[in-house]
Protein backbone atom coordinates (compact mmCIF):
# COMPACT_ATOMS: atom_id res chain seq x y z
CA MET A 1 -16.52 -27.68 -6.51
CA ASN A 2 -20.24 -28.38 -5.97
CA GLN A 3 -21.77 -24.64 -6.01
CA THR A 4 -24.82 -25.68 -4.02
CA ASN A 5 -22.80 -25.79 -0.87
CA TYR A 6 -21.49 -22.35 -0.99
CA SER A 7 -22.99 -19.12 -0.90
CA PHE A 8 -21.65 -15.69 -2.41
CA ARG A 9 -22.46 -12.28 -0.91
CA ILE A 10 -20.67 -8.70 -0.37
CA ALA A 11 -18.52 -8.87 1.94
CA GLY A 12 -19.21 -6.92 5.55
CA GLN A 13 -16.93 -5.53 8.13
CA GLN A 14 -16.87 -8.67 10.26
CA ASP A 15 -15.43 -10.31 7.03
CA LEU A 16 -12.33 -8.42 6.94
CA PRO A 17 -10.31 -10.79 9.48
CA ALA A 18 -10.94 -13.81 7.48
CA ILE A 19 -10.25 -11.87 4.28
CA VAL A 20 -6.74 -10.79 5.90
CA ALA A 21 -6.40 -14.54 6.89
CA ILE A 22 -6.85 -15.97 3.71
CA TYR A 23 -4.65 -13.15 2.11
CA ASN A 24 -1.67 -13.72 4.86
CA SER A 25 -1.94 -17.55 3.63
CA THR A 26 -0.37 -16.57 0.58
CA VAL A 27 2.36 -14.74 1.56
CA ALA A 28 4.77 -17.33 1.92
CA SER A 29 4.62 -19.08 -1.15
CA ARG A 30 6.06 -16.02 -2.99
CA GLU A 31 4.20 -16.45 -5.77
CA VAL A 32 0.67 -14.78 -5.12
CA THR A 33 1.16 -11.41 -3.60
CA ALA A 34 4.65 -8.88 -3.29
CA ASP A 35 3.68 -8.20 0.67
CA THR A 36 6.57 -10.19 2.27
CA GLU A 37 5.39 -9.88 5.62
CA PRO A 38 1.69 -10.82 6.82
CA VAL A 39 -0.48 -7.58 6.69
CA THR A 40 -2.66 -6.78 9.81
CA VAL A 41 -6.52 -6.36 9.69
CA ALA A 42 -6.05 -2.26 10.46
CA SER A 43 -3.71 -1.74 7.56
CA ARG A 44 -6.23 -3.44 5.42
CA GLN A 45 -9.23 -1.05 6.69
CA GLY A 46 -8.25 1.55 4.10
CA TRP A 47 -8.67 -0.81 1.37
CA PHE A 48 -11.57 -2.60 2.50
CA ASP A 49 -13.65 0.69 2.68
CA HIS A 50 -12.62 1.47 -0.49
CA HIS A 51 -14.75 -1.35 -2.07
CA ASN A 52 -18.87 -0.64 -2.37
CA ALA A 53 -21.32 -2.73 -3.81
CA GLU A 54 -22.56 -0.42 -6.28
CA ARG A 55 -19.41 -0.08 -8.03
CA ARG A 56 -16.04 -1.74 -6.65
CA PRO A 57 -17.70 -4.86 -5.25
CA LEU A 58 -15.65 -7.05 -2.71
CA TRP A 59 -17.30 -10.72 -2.10
CA VAL A 60 -16.71 -13.37 -0.19
CA VAL A 61 -17.82 -17.24 -1.09
CA GLU A 62 -18.72 -19.12 2.16
CA GLN A 63 -19.75 -23.00 3.05
CA GLN A 64 -21.17 -24.26 6.17
CA GLY A 65 -18.98 -25.31 8.47
CA ALA A 66 -18.72 -28.76 10.77
CA ASP A 67 -19.98 -26.64 13.38
CA GLY A 68 -23.02 -25.17 11.44
CA GLN A 69 -21.46 -21.96 11.22
CA PRO A 70 -20.54 -20.26 7.65
CA ALA A 71 -16.91 -20.31 6.90
CA ILE A 72 -15.44 -18.06 4.25
CA LEU A 73 -13.67 -20.01 1.59
CA GLY A 74 -12.37 -17.35 -0.65
CA TRP A 75 -12.74 -13.75 -1.67
CA LEU A 76 -13.00 -11.98 -4.92
CA SER A 77 -12.83 -8.01 -5.67
CA TYR A 78 -12.66 -5.25 -8.43
CA SER A 79 -10.08 -2.34 -7.40
CA ASP A 80 -9.56 0.69 -9.37
CA PHE A 81 -6.93 0.61 -12.09
CA TYR A 82 -4.63 3.82 -12.11
CA GLY A 83 -7.20 5.89 -9.65
CA ARG A 84 -8.04 8.61 -12.69
CA PRO A 85 -11.64 8.78 -14.05
CA ALA A 86 -10.53 7.87 -17.57
CA TYR A 87 -9.64 4.41 -16.26
CA ALA A 88 -13.70 4.23 -14.34
CA GLY A 89 -14.13 1.17 -16.95
CA THR A 90 -11.07 -1.01 -15.83
CA ALA A 91 -11.04 -3.00 -12.88
CA GLU A 92 -8.02 -4.71 -11.36
CA LEU A 93 -9.32 -8.04 -10.04
CA SER A 94 -7.89 -9.90 -6.90
CA ILE A 95 -9.07 -13.73 -6.39
CA TYR A 96 -7.80 -15.39 -3.02
CA ILE A 97 -8.89 -18.75 -1.73
CA HIS A 98 -8.73 -20.48 1.48
CA GLU A 99 -5.69 -23.14 1.75
CA HIS A 100 -8.52 -25.74 2.16
CA ALA A 101 -10.47 -24.87 -1.11
CA ARG A 102 -7.42 -24.45 -3.51
CA GLY A 103 -7.22 -26.88 -6.14
CA LYS A 104 -11.09 -27.36 -6.46
CA GLY A 105 -12.61 -25.23 -8.88
CA MET A 106 -13.12 -22.09 -6.68
CA GLY A 107 -10.59 -19.71 -8.61
CA ARG A 108 -12.51 -21.17 -12.16
CA TYR A 109 -16.12 -20.34 -10.20
CA LEU A 110 -14.95 -16.55 -8.96
CA LEU A 111 -13.18 -15.76 -12.36
CA GLY A 112 -16.43 -16.94 -14.38
CA VAL A 113 -18.41 -14.36 -11.55
CA ALA A 114 -16.17 -11.78 -12.22
CA ILE A 115 -16.09 -11.76 -15.92
CA GLU A 116 -20.43 -12.15 -16.05
CA ARG A 117 -20.84 -9.65 -13.60
CA ALA A 118 -18.20 -6.69 -14.54
CA PRO A 119 -21.06 -4.65 -17.13
CA SER A 120 -23.41 -4.38 -14.22
CA PHE A 121 -20.38 -2.24 -12.41
CA GLY A 122 -19.77 -0.23 -15.71
CA VAL A 123 -16.62 -2.28 -16.13
CA HIS A 124 -15.90 -3.01 -19.38
CA THR A 125 -12.14 -4.32 -19.15
CA LEU A 126 -10.62 -6.46 -16.25
CA LEU A 127 -7.15 -6.63 -15.32
CA GLY A 128 -5.12 -9.37 -13.48
CA PHE A 129 -1.51 -8.77 -12.10
CA VAL A 130 0.16 -12.16 -11.80
CA PHE A 131 3.51 -12.92 -11.22
CA GLY A 132 5.49 -14.52 -14.07
CA HIS A 133 6.28 -17.78 -12.02
CA ASN A 134 2.59 -18.19 -10.70
CA GLN A 135 1.92 -20.51 -13.18
CA PRO A 136 -1.95 -21.73 -11.73
CA SER A 137 -2.93 -18.20 -11.73
CA LEU A 138 -1.71 -17.80 -15.23
CA LYS A 139 -3.25 -20.91 -16.54
CA LEU A 140 -6.61 -19.60 -14.89
CA PHE A 141 -6.79 -16.32 -16.63
CA ASP A 142 -5.63 -18.21 -20.19
CA ALA A 143 -8.21 -20.66 -19.46
CA PHE A 144 -10.56 -17.58 -19.60
CA GLY A 145 -9.45 -15.84 -22.72
CA PHE A 146 -7.36 -13.44 -21.06
CA GLU A 147 -4.29 -12.03 -23.12
CA ARG A 148 -1.20 -10.73 -21.77
CA TRP A 149 -0.89 -7.20 -22.31
CA ALA A 150 2.30 -6.82 -20.69
CA ASN A 151 5.48 -8.41 -19.12
CA MET A 152 7.06 -6.46 -16.90
CA PRO A 153 10.33 -8.38 -16.17
CA ARG A 154 12.19 -8.35 -13.23
CA VAL A 155 10.62 -5.55 -11.36
CA ALA A 156 9.77 -7.37 -8.35
CA THR A 157 12.53 -8.94 -5.78
CA LEU A 158 11.36 -11.84 -3.42
CA ASP A 159 13.55 -13.31 -1.17
CA GLY A 160 16.47 -12.01 -3.15
CA ILE A 161 14.82 -13.62 -6.29
CA GLU A 162 13.82 -11.06 -9.01
CA ARG A 163 10.41 -12.01 -10.54
CA ASP A 164 8.53 -10.75 -13.78
CA LEU A 165 4.83 -9.43 -13.46
CA VAL A 166 2.33 -10.26 -15.96
CA ILE A 167 -0.36 -8.33 -16.69
CA LEU A 168 -3.23 -9.86 -18.09
CA GLY A 169 -6.59 -8.01 -20.02
CA LYS A 170 -9.97 -9.25 -21.04
CA ARG A 171 -12.56 -6.72 -22.51
CA VAL A 172 -15.84 -7.95 -21.13
CA ALA A 173 -18.16 -5.18 -22.67
């Protein structure tokens, strides 16, 4: 993906519908999220509000569309891990990409940005929570040196099939 064709910025309230739409586009695959039904913008407001530019950013990546207006291609967020003060230096990563931008290097770009910028947010450890059957995401994290820190067998049930959750980790500072 040609990085000169898009911009990267902190998400604003006006971006939440696009963020939710991208997230919802992954629900049916049963590979990316444990949600089994699409979520609403209203249901994600609290999650959105918990992010902040100083400590737990939520970014969007845009590209100018055919109509000349920017279109959101994907998003990246750091979220608190476990919510207790001793874990403040650890963040869970979420990367979601618009279906038209998948398979074009956007995931690699966003994961690289997440690793590079983590220390500036006081983050020394990054975590990824990935289903064991989500091979594209596992390969992406492996390519950046994340290690498999935990395998939680059959903790999720999607359409009657029990699925593993793999926790990937990397020290970045």
